[in-house]
C-alpha atoms as a PDB file:
ATOM      1  CA  MET A   1      80.478 135.921  82.447  1.00  0.00           C
ATOM      2  CA  LYS A   2      79.847 137.021  86.033  1.00  0.00           C
ATOM      3  CA  ILE A   3      81.400 134.804  88.695  1.00  0.00           C
ATOM      4  CA  LEU A   4      81.019 135.125  92.463  1.00  0.00           C
ATOM      5  CA  ILE A   5      83.632 133.425  94.627  1.00  0.00           C
ATOM      6  CA  LEU A   6      82.137 132.795  98.068  1.00  0.00           C
ATOM      7  CA  THR A   7      84.401 132.492 101.073  1.00  0.00           C
ATOM      8  CA  ALA A   8      84.484 132.962 104.866  1.00  0.00           C
ATOM      9  CA  LYS A   9      87.197 134.254 107.177  1.00  0.00           C
ATOM     10  CA  PHE A  10      87.431 131.152 109.350  1.00  0.00           C
ATOM     11  CA  GLY A  11      91.200 131.264 109.151  1.00  0.00           C
ATOM     12  CA  TYR A  12      93.011 133.027 106.320  1.00  0.00           C
ATOM     13  CA  GLY A  13      93.381 130.050 103.973  1.00  0.00           C
ATOM     14  CA  HIS A  14      89.873 130.133 102.488  1.00  0.00           C
ATOM     15  CA  THR A  15      90.113 133.817 101.605  1.00  0.00           C
ATOM     16  CA  SER A  16      93.593 133.344 100.161  1.00  0.00           C
ATOM     17  CA  ALA A  17      92.329 130.481  97.986  1.00  0.00           C
ATOM     18  CA  ALA A  18      89.390 132.630  96.819  1.00  0.00           C
ATOM     19  CA  TYR A  19      91.663 135.406  95.553  1.00  0.00           C
ATOM     20  CA  SER A  20      93.997 132.859  93.960  1.00  0.00           C
ATOM     21  CA  ILE A  21      91.044 131.439  92.002  1.00  0.00           C
ATOM     22  CA  LYS A  22      90.069 134.939  90.929  1.00  0.00           C
ATOM     23  CA  GLU A  23      93.612 135.587  89.743  1.00  0.00           C
ATOM     24  CA  LYS A  24      93.690 132.371  87.696  1.00  0.00           C
ATOM     25  CA  ILE A  25      90.322 133.031  86.065  1.00  0.00           C
ATOM     26  CA  LEU A  26      91.186 136.599  85.065  1.00  0.00           C
ATOM     27  CA  LEU A  27      94.563 135.482  83.757  1.00  0.00           C
ATOM     28  CA  GLU A  28      92.795 133.380  81.146  1.00  0.00           C
ATOM     29  CA  ASN A  29      89.669 135.510  80.702  1.00  0.00           C
ATOM     30  CA  SER A  30      90.312 139.193  81.306  1.00  0.00           C
ATOM     31  CA  ASP A  31      86.784 140.078  80.153  1.00  0.00           C
ATOM     32  CA  TYR A  32      85.121 138.039  82.928  1.00  0.00           C
ATOM     33  CA  ASN A  33      83.623 139.862  85.909  1.00  0.00           C
ATOM     34  CA  VAL A  34      84.878 138.077  89.029  1.00  0.00           C
ATOM     35  CA  GLU A  35      84.118 139.156  92.598  1.00  0.00           C
ATOM     36  CA  VAL A  36      85.106 137.648  95.960  1.00  0.00           C
ATOM     37  CA  ILE A  37      82.399 137.825  98.647  1.00  0.00           C
ATOM     38  CA  ASP A  38      82.696 137.127 102.367  1.00  0.00           C
ATOM     39  CA  PHE A  39      79.456 135.139 102.500  1.00  0.00           C
ATOM     40  CA  ILE A  40      79.143 135.206 106.295  1.00  0.00           C
ATOM     41  CA  GLU A  41      79.617 138.970 106.368  1.00  0.00           C
ATOM     42  CA  TYR A  42      77.051 139.374 103.585  1.00  0.00           C
ATOM     43  CA  LEU A  43      74.408 137.183 105.220  1.00  0.00           C
ATOM     44  CA  PHE A  44      74.992 138.331 108.808  1.00  0.00           C
ATOM     45  CA  PRO A  45      76.452 141.862 108.659  1.00  0.00           C
ATOM     46  CA  LYS A  46      75.535 142.706 112.259  1.00  0.00           C
ATOM     47  CA  THR A  47      76.843 139.509 113.843  1.00  0.00           C
ATOM     48  CA  SER A  48      79.684 138.375 111.567  1.00  0.00           C
ATOM     49  CA  LYS A  49      82.353 139.902 113.827  1.00  0.00           C
ATOM     50  CA  ILE A  50      80.918 137.999 116.784  1.00  0.00           C
ATOM     51  CA  ILE A  51      80.816 134.773 114.757  1.00  0.00           C
ATOM     52  CA  TYR A  52      84.451 135.177 113.707  1.00  0.00           C
ATOM     53  CA  GLY A  53      85.440 136.197 117.233  1.00  0.00           C
ATOM     54  CA  ILE A  54      83.951 133.011 118.686  1.00  0.00           C
ATOM     55  CA  PHE A  55      85.779 130.958 116.032  1.00  0.00           C
ATOM     56  CA  ASN A  56      89.112 132.624 116.836  1.00  0.00           C
ATOM     57  CA  PHE A  57      88.578 132.024 120.556  1.00  0.00           C
ATOM     58  CA  LEU A  58      87.772 128.337 120.055  1.00  0.00           C
ATOM     59  CA  VAL A  59      90.768 127.756 117.795  1.00  0.00           C
ATOM     60  CA  ASN A  60      93.180 129.621 120.076  1.00  0.00           C
ATOM     61  CA  LYS A  61      91.925 128.563 123.499  1.00  0.00           C
ATOM     62  CA  CYS A  62      89.603 125.553 123.147  1.00  0.00           C
ATOM     63  CA  CYS A  63      90.810 123.460 120.211  1.00  0.00           C
ATOM     64  CA  THR A  64      89.396 120.259 121.770  1.00  0.00           C
ATOM     65  CA  LEU A  65      85.931 121.826 121.908  1.00  0.00           C
ATOM     66  CA  TYR A  66      86.415 123.183 118.372  1.00  0.00           C
ATOM     67  CA  ASN A  67      87.257 119.694 117.072  1.00  0.00           C
ATOM     68  CA  PHE A  68      84.220 118.259 118.873  1.00  0.00           C
ATOM     69  CA  LEU A  69      81.876 120.866 117.358  1.00  0.00           C
ATOM     70  CA  ASN A  70      83.507 120.374 113.966  1.00  0.00           C
ATOM     71  CA  LYS A  71      82.854 116.640 114.200  1.00  0.00           C
ATOM     72  CA  ILE A  72      79.179 117.221 114.996  1.00  0.00           C
ATOM     73  CA  ALA A  73      78.820 119.718 112.151  1.00  0.00           C
ATOM     74  CA  SER A  74      80.438 117.329 109.681  1.00  0.00           C
ATOM     75  CA  LYS A  75      77.669 114.790 110.331  1.00  0.00           C
ATOM     76  CA  ASN A  76      74.977 117.301 109.435  1.00  0.00           C
ATOM     77  CA  SER A  77      75.538 118.665 105.953  1.00  0.00           C
ATOM     78  CA  LYS A  78      72.255 120.584 105.675  1.00  0.00           C
ATOM     79  CA  ALA A  79      72.222 124.349 106.012  1.00  0.00           C
ATOM     80  CA  PRO A  80      69.150 125.920 107.637  1.00  0.00           C
ATOM     81  CA  LEU A  81      67.595 128.007 104.860  1.00  0.00           C
ATOM     82  CA  LYS A  82      65.584 130.690 106.624  1.00  0.00           C
ATOM     83  CA  SER A  83      63.355 132.957 104.547  1.00  0.00           C
ATOM     84  CA  PHE A  84      65.559 136.021 105.106  1.00  0.00           C
ATOM     85  CA  ILE A  85      68.592 134.054 103.837  1.00  0.00           C
ATOM     86  CA  VAL A  86      66.670 133.067 100.698  1.00  0.00           C
ATOM     87  CA  ARG A  87      65.852 136.725 100.074  1.00  0.00           C
ATOM     88  CA  LYS A  88      69.462 137.807 100.581  1.00  0.00           C
ATOM     89  CA  ILE A  89      70.844 135.121  98.258  1.00  0.00           C
ATOM     90  CA  ASP A  90      68.180 136.002  95.700  1.00  0.00           C
ATOM     91  CA  LYS A  91      69.217 139.651  95.810  1.00  0.00           C
ATOM     92  CA  LEU A  92      72.942 138.806  95.639  1.00  0.00           C
ATOM     93  CA  LEU A  93      72.584 136.588  92.570  1.00  0.00           C
ATOM     94  CA  ASN A  94      69.948 138.567  90.685  1.00  0.00           C
ATOM     95  CA  ASP A  95      71.332 142.051  91.315  1.00  0.00           C
ATOM     96  CA  ASN A  96      74.727 140.907  90.056  1.00  0.00           C
ATOM     97  CA  ASN A  97      73.454 138.766  87.143  1.00  0.00           C
ATOM     98  CA  VAL A  98      75.596 135.900  88.383  1.00  0.00           C
ATOM     99  CA  ASP A  99      76.341 132.995  86.017  1.00  0.00           C
ATOM    100  CA  MET A 100      78.500 130.915  88.360  1.00  0.00           C
ATOM    101  CA  CYS A 101      79.268 130.598  92.064  1.00  0.00           C
ATOM    102  CA  ILE A 102      82.527 129.116  93.267  1.00  0.00           C
ATOM    103  CA  SER A 103      82.554 128.137  96.927  1.00  0.00           C
ATOM    104  CA  VAL A 104      85.716 127.744  98.987  1.00  0.00           C
ATOM    105  CA  PHE A 105      83.957 127.114 102.295  1.00  0.00           C
ATOM    106  CA  PRO A 106      81.431 124.355 103.136  1.00  0.00           C
ATOM    107  CA  ILE A 107      78.574 126.526 104.412  1.00  0.00           C
ATOM    108  CA  CYS A 108      78.690 128.564 101.186  1.00  0.00           C
ATOM    109  CA  SER A 109      78.138 125.398  99.160  1.00  0.00           C
ATOM    110  CA  GLN A 110      75.323 124.298 101.455  1.00  0.00           C
ATOM    111  CA  TYR A 111      73.414 127.562 101.271  1.00  0.00           C
ATOM    112  CA  ILE A 112      73.726 127.985  97.500  1.00  0.00           C
ATOM    113  CA  SER A 113      72.795 124.339  96.954  1.00  0.00           C
ATOM    114  CA  ALA A 114      69.710 124.636  99.169  1.00  0.00           C
ATOM    115  CA  TYR A 115      68.779 127.849  97.372  1.00  0.00           C
ATOM    116  CA  LYS A 116      69.106 126.142  93.971  1.00  0.00           C
ATOM    117  CA  THR A 117      66.799 123.335  95.099  1.00  0.00           C
ATOM    118  CA  LEU A 118      64.198 125.692  96.552  1.00  0.00           C
ATOM    119  CA  LYS A 119      64.199 128.103  93.617  1.00  0.00           C
ATOM    120  CA  LYS A 120      64.867 125.475  90.945  1.00  0.00           C
ATOM    121  CA  SER A 121      67.790 127.658  89.901  1.00  0.00           C
ATOM    122  CA  LYS A 122      70.196 126.511  87.181  1.00  0.00           C
ATOM    123  CA  ILE A 123      73.083 128.686  88.314  1.00  0.00           C
ATOM    124  CA  ILE A 124      76.404 126.826  88.230  1.00  0.00           C
ATOM    125  CA  LEU A 125      77.848 125.945  91.639  1.00  0.00           C
ATOM    126  CA  ASN A 126      81.431 124.701  91.824  1.00  0.00           C
ATOM    127  CA  THR A 127      83.148 123.858  95.096  1.00  0.00           C
ATOM    128  CA  CYS A 128      86.895 124.097  95.750  1.00  0.00           C
ATOM    129  CA  ILE A 129      87.895 121.978  98.766  1.00  0.00           C
ATOM    130  CA  THR A 130      90.829 123.532 100.602  1.00  0.00           C
ATOM    131  CA  ASP A 131      92.047 120.560 102.677  1.00  0.00           C
ATOM    132  CA  ILE A 132      93.110 117.006 101.876  1.00  0.00           C
ATOM    133  CA  ASP A 133      90.474 115.337 104.042  1.00  0.00           C
ATOM    134  CA  VAL A 134      86.864 115.999 103.154  1.00  0.00           C
ATOM    135  CA  CYS A 135      83.808 115.765 105.397  1.00  0.00           C
ATOM    136  CA  LYS A 136      80.111 115.691 104.522  1.00  0.00           C
ATOM    137  CA  GLU A 137      79.889 119.444 105.098  1.00  0.00           C
ATOM    138  CA  TRP A 138      81.559 119.946 101.716  1.00  0.00           C
ATOM    139  CA  VAL A 139      79.039 117.762  99.878  1.00  0.00           C
ATOM    140  CA  SER A 140      75.835 119.305  98.509  1.00  0.00           C
ATOM    141  CA  ASN A 141      73.255 117.981  96.076  1.00  0.00           C
ATOM    142  CA  GLU A 142      73.388 120.910  93.675  1.00  0.00           C
ATOM    143  CA  THR A 143      77.180 121.183  93.298  1.00  0.00           C
ATOM    144  CA  ASN A 144      78.130 120.854  89.629  1.00  0.00           C
ATOM    145  CA  LEU A 145      81.866 120.237  90.081  1.00  0.00           C
ATOM    146  CA  TYR A 146      84.289 119.618  92.924  1.00  0.00           C
ATOM    147  CA  PHE A 147      87.901 120.798  92.639  1.00  0.00           C
ATOM    148  CA  VAL A 148      90.047 118.842  95.067  1.00  0.00           C
ATOM    149  CA  ALA A 149      93.620 118.773  96.304  1.00  0.00           C
ATOM    150  CA  SER A 150      94.565 115.146  95.729  1.00  0.00           C
ATOM    151  CA  GLU A 151      93.539 111.703  94.523  1.00  0.00           C
ATOM    152  CA  LYS A 152      92.877 110.811  98.165  1.00  0.00           C
ATOM    153  CA  THR A 153      90.329 113.642  98.402  1.00  0.00           C
ATOM    154  CA  LYS A 154      88.729 112.436  95.174  1.00  0.00           C
ATOM    155  CA  GLY A 155      88.496 108.907  96.555  1.00  0.00           C
ATOM    156  CA  ASN A 156      86.825 110.172  99.730  1.00  0.00           C
ATOM    157  CA  LEU A 157      84.192 112.008  97.692  1.00  0.00           C
ATOM    158  CA  ILE A 158      83.535 108.952  95.530  1.00  0.00           C
ATOM    159  CA  ASN A 159      83.004 106.927  98.736  1.00  0.00           C
ATOM    160  CA  MET A 160      80.395 109.528  99.719  1.00  0.00           C
ATOM    161  CA  GLY A 161      78.500 108.865  96.513  1.00  0.00           C
ATOM    162  CA  ILE A 162      79.830 111.666  94.300  1.00  0.00           C
ATOM    163  CA  SER A 163      80.293 110.702  90.664  1.00  0.00           C
ATOM    164  CA  LYS A 164      83.945 110.719  89.593  1.00  0.00           C
ATOM    165  CA  GLU A 165      82.945 112.786  86.534  1.00  0.00           C
ATOM    166  CA  LYS A 166      82.101 115.653  88.891  1.00  0.00           C
ATOM    167  CA  ILE A 167      85.539 115.660  90.575  1.00  0.00           C
ATOM    168  CA  ILE A 168      88.655 117.366  89.238  1.00  0.00           C
ATOM    169  CA  VAL A 169      92.022 116.941  90.991  1.00  0.00           C
ATOM    170  CA  SER A 170      93.538 120.412  90.669  1.00  0.00           C
ATOM    171  CA  GLY A 171      95.497 120.969  93.894  1.00  0.00           C
ATOM    172  CA  ILE A 172      94.710 123.824  96.274  1.00  0.00           C
ATOM    173  CA  PRO A 173      94.899 127.162  94.448  1.00  0.00           C
ATOM    174  CA  VAL A 174      97.724 129.554  95.352  1.00  0.00           C
ATOM    175  CA  LYS A 175      98.770 132.884  93.896  1.00  0.00           C
ATOM    176  CA  ARG A 176     101.051 133.038  90.841  1.00  0.00           C
ATOM    177  CA  LYS A 177     103.810 134.680  92.875  1.00  0.00           C
ATOM    178  CA  PHE A 178     104.436 131.275  94.446  1.00  0.00           C
ATOM    179  CA  ASN A 179     106.308 129.911  91.443  1.00  0.00           C
ATOM    180  CA  CYS A 180     109.795 128.836  92.486  1.00  0.00           C
ATOM    181  CA  LYS A 181     111.673 126.196  90.475  1.00  0.00           C
ATOM    182  CA  LYS A 182     115.042 125.306  91.910  1.00  0.00           C
ATOM    183  CA  ASP A 183     116.948 122.288  93.178  1.00  0.00           C
ATOM    184  CA  LEU A 184     118.160 123.026  96.696  1.00  0.00           C
ATOM    185  CA  LYS A 185     118.323 126.035  98.946  1.00  0.00           C
ATOM    186  CA  THR A 186     121.774 126.126 100.467  1.00  0.00           C
ATOM    187  CA  LYS A 187     121.170 129.000 102.891  1.00  0.00           C
ATOM    188  CA  LYS A 188     120.239 128.177 106.459  1.00  0.00           C
ATOM    189  CA  ASN A 189     117.086 130.240 106.496  1.00  0.00           C
ATOM    190  CA  ILE A 190     114.175 129.083 108.659  1.00  0.00           C
ATOM    191  CA  LEU A 191     110.700 130.510 108.147  1.00  0.00           C
ATOM    192  CA  ILE A 192     108.242 129.997 111.011  1.00  0.00           C
ATOM    193  CA  MET A 193     104.564 130.560 110.234  1.00  0.00           C
ATOM    194  CA  GLY A 194     101.340 130.183 112.193  1.00  0.00           C
ATOM    195  CA  GLY A 195      98.724 131.004 109.584  1.00  0.00           C
ATOM    196  CA  GLY A 196      96.551 134.120 109.589  1.00  0.00           C
ATOM    197  CA  LEU A 197      95.778 133.668 113.287  1.00  0.00           C
ATOM    198  CA  GLY A 198      99.418 133.207 114.270  1.00  0.00           C
ATOM    199  CA  LEU A 199      98.893 129.792 115.842  1.00  0.00           C
ATOM    200  CA  ILE A 200     102.282 128.271 116.636  1.00  0.00           C
ATOM    201  CA  PRO A 201     102.111 125.691 119.444  1.00  0.00           C
ATOM    202  CA  THR A 202     105.037 125.372 121.889  1.00  0.00           C
ATOM    203  CA  ILE A 203     106.903 128.150 120.053  1.00  0.00           C
ATOM    204  CA  ASP A 204     108.972 129.193 123.074  1.00  0.00           C
ATOM    205  CA  ASP A 205     110.534 125.747 123.312  1.00  0.00           C
ATOM    206  CA  PHE A 206     112.566 126.169 120.146  1.00  0.00           C
ATOM    207  CA  LEU A 207     112.752 129.948 119.669  1.00  0.00           C
ATOM    208  CA  ASN A 208     114.984 130.215 122.725  1.00  0.00           C
ATOM    209  CA  ALA A 209     117.516 127.831 121.188  1.00  0.00           C
ATOM    210  CA  LEU A 210     117.281 129.180 117.637  1.00  0.00           C
ATOM    211  CA  ASP A 211     117.728 132.749 118.840  1.00  0.00           C
ATOM    212  CA  SER A 212     121.161 131.899 120.216  1.00  0.00           C
ATOM    213  CA  ASN A 213     122.294 130.162 117.005  1.00  0.00           C
ATOM    214  CA  LYS A 214     123.892 132.872 114.840  1.00  0.00           C
ATOM    215  CA  SER A 215     124.375 130.547 111.830  1.00  0.00           C
ATOM    216  CA  PHE A 216     120.673 130.776 110.898  1.00  0.00           C
ATOM    217  CA  THR A 217     118.430 133.502 109.616  1.00  0.00           C
ATOM    218  CA  ILE A 218     115.089 133.208 111.389  1.00  0.00           C
ATOM    219  CA  ASN A 219     111.890 134.861 110.140  1.00  0.00           C
ATOM    220  CA  VAL A 220     108.629 134.448 112.076  1.00  0.00           C
ATOM    221  CA  ILE A 221     105.296 135.407 110.509  1.00  0.00           C
ATOM    222  CA  VAL A 222     102.614 135.685 113.183  1.00  0.00           C
ATOM    223  CA  GLY A 223      99.727 136.982 111.066  1.00  0.00           C
ATOM    224  CA  ASN A 224      97.169 138.990 113.052  1.00  0.00           C
ATOM    225  CA  ASN A 225      98.386 137.736 116.419  1.00  0.00           C
ATOM    226  CA  GLN A 226      99.509 141.085 117.835  1.00  0.00           C
ATOM    227  CA  LYS A 227     100.212 139.678 121.288  1.00  0.00           C
ATOM    228  CA  LEU A 228     102.648 137.131 119.851  1.00  0.00           C
ATOM    229  CA  TYR A 229     104.228 139.832 117.667  1.00  0.00           C
ATOM    230  CA  ALA A 230     104.951 142.023 120.686  1.00  0.00           C
ATOM    231  CA  LYS A 231     106.264 139.103 122.718  1.00  0.00           C
ATOM    232  CA  ILE A 232     108.732 137.850 120.090  1.00  0.00           C
ATOM    233  CA  SER A 233     109.898 141.351 119.169  1.00  0.00           C
ATOM    234  CA  LYS A 234     110.712 142.125 122.793  1.00  0.00           C
ATOM    235  CA  LYS A 235     112.200 138.790 123.833  1.00  0.00           C
ATOM    236  CA  TYR A 236     114.327 137.654 120.864  1.00  0.00           C
ATOM    237  CA  LYS A 237     117.081 139.847 119.445  1.00  0.00           C
ATOM    238  CA  ASN A 238     118.154 137.718 116.476  1.00  0.00           C
ATOM    239  CA  ILE A 239     114.714 136.805 115.158  1.00  0.00           C
ATOM    240  CA  ASN A 240     112.890 138.888 112.563  1.00  0.00           C
ATOM    241  CA  VAL A 241     109.161 138.966 113.377  1.00  0.00           C
ATOM    242  CA  ILE A 242     106.573 139.880 110.737  1.00  0.00           C
ATOM    243  CA  GLY A 243     102.873 140.580 111.261  1.00  0.00           C
ATOM    244  CA  PHE A 244     100.167 140.071 108.664  1.00  0.00           C
ATOM    245  CA  THR A 245     101.670 140.252 105.172  1.00  0.00           C
ATOM    246  CA  ASP A 246     100.578 139.704 101.578  1.00  0.00           C
ATOM    247  CA  GLU A 247     104.177 138.923 100.659  1.00  0.00           C
ATOM    248  CA  VAL A 248     104.591 135.478 102.226  1.00  0.00           C
ATOM    249  CA  TYR A 249     106.010 134.296  98.894  1.00  0.00           C
ATOM    250  CA  LYS A 250     109.076 136.547  99.382  1.00  0.00           C
ATOM    251  CA  TYR A 251     109.927 134.871 102.685  1.00  0.00           C
ATOM    252  CA  MET A 252     109.233 131.382 101.296  1.00  0.00           C
ATOM    253  CA  LYS A 253     111.591 132.006  98.380  1.00  0.00           C
ATOM    254  CA  GLU A 254     114.452 132.654 100.794  1.00  0.00           C
ATOM    255  CA  ALA A 255     113.608 129.831 103.202  1.00  0.00           C
ATOM    256  CA  SER A 256     115.306 126.448 103.252  1.00  0.00           C
ATOM    257  CA  LEU A 257     112.741 125.096 105.730  1.00  0.00           C
ATOM    258  CA  ILE A 258     109.244 126.183 106.788  1.00  0.00           C
ATOM    259  CA  VAL A 259     108.111 125.465 110.351  1.00  0.00           C
ATOM    260  CA  THR A 260     104.344 125.800 110.363  1.00  0.00           C
ATOM    261  CA  LYS A 261     100.869 124.452 111.019  1.00  0.00           C
ATOM    262  CA  ALA A 262      99.354 122.025 108.518  1.00  0.00           C
ATOM    263  CA  GLY A 263      97.039 124.397 106.659  1.00  0.00           C
ATOM    264  CA  GLY A 264      96.030 123.290 103.163  1.00  0.00           C
ATOM    265  CA  VAL A 265      96.873 126.580 101.427  1.00  0.00           C
ATOM    266  CA  THR A 266     100.216 126.949 103.223  1.00  0.00           C
ATOM    267  CA  MET A 267     101.093 123.384 102.243  1.00  0.00           C
ATOM    268  CA  PHE A 268     100.483 124.027  98.555  1.00  0.00           C
ATOM    269  CA  GLU A 269     102.282 127.373  98.687  1.00  0.00           C
ATOM    270  CA  ALA A 270     105.295 125.502 100.047  1.00  0.00           C
ATOM    271  CA  ILE A 271     104.951 122.899  97.281  1.00  0.00           C
ATOM    272  CA  GLU A 272     104.965 125.678  94.663  1.00  0.00           C
ATOM    273  CA  GLU A 273     108.064 127.201  96.271  1.00  0.00           C
ATOM    274  CA  GLU A 274     109.652 123.753  96.695  1.00  0.00           C
ATOM    275  CA  THR A 275     110.447 124.410 100.335  1.00  0.00           C
ATOM    276  CA  PRO A 276     110.317 121.428 102.744  1.00  0.00           C
ATOM    277  CA  LEU A 277     107.901 121.604 105.663  1.00  0.00           C
ATOM    278  CA  PHE A 278     108.289 120.946 109.364  1.00  0.00           C
ATOM    279  CA  ILE A 279     104.873 120.460 110.996  1.00  0.00           C
ATOM    280  CA  ILE A 280     104.491 120.757 114.754  1.00  0.00           C
ATOM    281  CA  LYS A 281     101.829 118.469 116.239  1.00  0.00           C
ATOM    282  CA  PRO A 282      98.622 119.138 114.256  1.00  0.00           C
ATOM    283  CA  PHE A 283      95.826 119.928 116.693  1.00  0.00           C
ATOM    284  CA  LEU A 284      92.906 121.017 114.491  1.00  0.00           C
ATOM    285  CA  LYS A 285      90.877 118.203 112.934  1.00  0.00           C
ATOM    286  CA  GLN A 286      91.053 119.405 109.334  1.00  0.00           C
ATOM    287  CA  GLU A 287      94.840 119.808 109.547  1.00  0.00           C
ATOM    288  CA  MET A 288      95.547 116.213 110.567  1.00  0.00           C
ATOM    289  CA  GLY A 289      94.720 114.944 107.069  1.00  0.00           C
ATOM    290  CA  ASN A 290      97.015 117.586 105.585  1.00  0.00           C
ATOM    291  CA  ALA A 291      99.803 116.464 107.910  1.00  0.00           C
ATOM    292  CA  LEU A 292      99.379 112.845 106.807  1.00  0.00           C
ATOM    293  CA  PHE A 293      99.586 113.980 103.165  1.00  0.00           C
ATOM    294  CA  ILE A 294     102.881 115.750 103.939  1.00  0.00           C
ATOM    295  CA  GLU A 295     104.229 112.685 105.691  1.00  0.00           C
ATOM    296  CA  ASN A 296     103.027 110.116 103.151  1.00  0.00           C
ATOM    297  CA  ASN A 297     104.409 112.103 100.216  1.00  0.00           C
ATOM    298  CA  ASN A 298     107.666 112.858 102.065  1.00  0.00           C
ATOM    299  CA  ILE A 299     107.582 116.607 101.456  1.00  0.00           C
ATOM    300  CA  GLY A 300     108.321 117.426 105.080  1.00  0.00           C
ATOM    301  CA  LYS A 301     108.519 116.116 108.615  1.00  0.00           C
ATOM    302  CA  VAL A 302     105.557 115.915 110.978  1.00  0.00           C
ATOM    303  CA  VAL A 303     106.093 115.891 114.734  1.00  0.00           C
ATOM    304  CA  TRP A 304     103.055 114.201 116.273  1.00  0.00           C
ATOM    305  CA  ASP A 305     104.349 114.163 119.860  1.00  0.00           C
ATOM    306  CA  LYS A 306     104.623 117.608 121.434  1.00  0.00           C
ATOM    307  CA  ASN A 307     107.232 116.226 123.852  1.00  0.00           C
ATOM    308  CA  ASN A 308     109.728 115.749 121.027  1.00  0.00           C
ATOM    309  CA  SER A 309     112.887 117.830 121.034  1.00  0.00           C
ATOM    310  CA  LEU A 310     111.729 120.246 118.359  1.00  0.00           C
ATOM    311  CA  THR A 311     114.973 122.191 118.192  1.00  0.00           C
ATOM    312  CA  SER A 312     117.151 119.148 117.540  1.00  0.00           C
ATOM    313  CA  ASP A 313     114.642 117.811 114.972  1.00  0.00           C
ATOM    314  CA  ILE A 314     114.604 121.147 113.125  1.00  0.00           C
ATOM    315  CA  LEU A 315     118.391 121.405 113.159  1.00  0.00           C
ATOM    316  CA  ARG A 316     118.837 117.836 111.930  1.00  0.00           C
ATOM    317  CA  LEU A 317     116.518 118.404 108.985  1.00  0.00           C
ATOM    318  CA  ILE A 318     117.999 121.726 107.938  1.00  0.00           C
ATOM    319  CA  GLU A 319     121.515 120.254 108.082  1.00  0.00           C
ATOM    320  CA  ASN A 320     120.526 117.164 106.069  1.00  0.00           C
ATOM    321  CA  LYS A 321     120.755 118.427 102.472  1.00  0.00           C
ATOM    322  CA  GLU A 322     120.151 114.973 101.026  1.00  0.00           C
ATOM    323  CA  GLN A 323     116.884 114.561 102.905  1.00  0.00           C
ATOM    324  CA  ARG A 324     115.713 118.035 101.972  1.00  0.00           C
ATOM    325  CA  LEU A 325     116.610 117.460  98.319  1.00  0.00           C
ATOM    326  CA  GLU A 326     114.473 114.308  98.319  1.00  0.00           C
ATOM    327  CA  MET A 327     111.570 116.344  99.729  1.00  0.00           C
ATOM    328  CA  ILE A 328     112.076 119.036  97.083  1.00  0.00           C
ATOM    329  CA  ASN A 329     112.041 116.422  94.315  1.00  0.00           C
ATOM    330  CA  ASN A 330     108.802 115.009  95.716  1.00  0.00           C
ATOM    331  CA  MET A 331     107.311 118.501  95.613  1.00  0.00           C
ATOM    332  CA  LYS A 332     108.394 118.832  91.978  1.00  0.00           C
ATOM    333  CA  LYS A 333     106.604 115.563  91.208  1.00  0.00           C
ATOM    334  CA  ILE A 334     103.366 116.747  92.835  1.00  0.00           C
ATOM    335  CA  LYS A 335     103.516 119.951  90.790  1.00  0.00           C
ATOM    336  CA  MET A 336     104.211 118.035  87.596  1.00  0.00           C
ATOM    337  CA  ASP A 337     101.264 115.704  88.196  1.00  0.00           C
ATOM    338  CA  LEU A 338      98.916 118.647  88.726  1.00  0.00           C
ATOM    339  CA  GLU A 339     100.270 121.094  86.159  1.00  0.00           C
ATOM    340  CA  ASN A 340      98.543 119.794  83.056  1.00  0.00           C
ATOM    341  CA  THR A 341      95.289 118.461  84.536  1.00  0.00           C
ATOM    342  CA  SER A 342      94.461 121.590  86.527  1.00  0.00           C
ATOM    343  CA  TYR A 343      94.334 124.210  83.775  1.00  0.00           C
ATOM    344  CA  ALA A 344      93.060 121.810  81.108  1.00  0.00           C
ATOM    345  CA  SER A 345      90.149 120.722  83.283  1.00  0.00           C
ATOM    346  CA  LEU A 346      89.285 124.268  84.345  1.00  0.00           C
ATOM    347  CA  LYS A 347      89.178 125.425  80.729  1.00  0.00           C
ATOM    348  CA  LYS A 348      87.113 122.418  79.661  1.00  0.00           C
ATOM    349  CA  GLU A 349      84.472 123.167  82.273  1.00  0.00           C
ATOM    350  CA  ARG A 350      84.467 126.903  81.460  1.00  0.00           C
ATOM    351  CA  VAL A 351      85.801 127.879  84.860  1.00  0.00           C
ATOM    352  CA  LEU A 352      88.721 129.492  83.053  1.00  0.00           C
END
């Protein structure tokens, strides 16, 4: 079987999820041919860097405008299917003898769905939703199955008219290396992450205080944010700063608390590693639903007010072993609930 996993580099989470899906499929079916494609780069090779550059600028500098544009886009779930896009999709699918497409980004689902309608194609299209909240962008007429993070996500899709038989609650896929099973991390090790773009709001407010506290080990992963890397490296002597890395799991294994943004993939990586989360004021629309999931399931603390004393809140949580143990146990429960249904459902539907 030939499977294409379609993603886009709007943040690192979608690409990470795509490779995690590939890993899971090949684990069960080593004879399958599975390829991950940056769909935006494939469709728009000459302008993809500009497209991604504009996205990075909006997220970093104009998050209010980004949220506004995201809200508008979520109300219009139809992708414009120009003739040249039809030809490119045709070539991609036919040249590779593709049996199944798995989409981990909304526009990928929209384009393949529109193509299926136009060409009356029977190719299988499955969509993996990488956040808790779901908007209409994710929904397309020709999607065969939706793989979602939670029962809440499933309920949202049902309210949009999707049959429950087409929805599988499987969690957000993460790599096998995120596989910790332990009761409580006793070390005072704080991991600070900002996702692939290195977005950590108000970071200076608490790094100054943490840098002077010698009882903690502090690791900061800033992703591709080279400016932030240089700044932290120069300013803070007791903080270990890491750029883009494929070994996030190593730092999560050692951490007793993760201070981060509310990305869907990061959240489920933390759940797999059973490491409580500390979320600093979610500011991107899609991350607010993730933050509520963290709060409602008590697997971390969410600071909604940026005026909070972040340092004292972080220190209180890392010192409170009982509270962290409760969060760890809640993470274990989430994993247990998903463990059997995820693989069984994937095998049943011939995704694995």
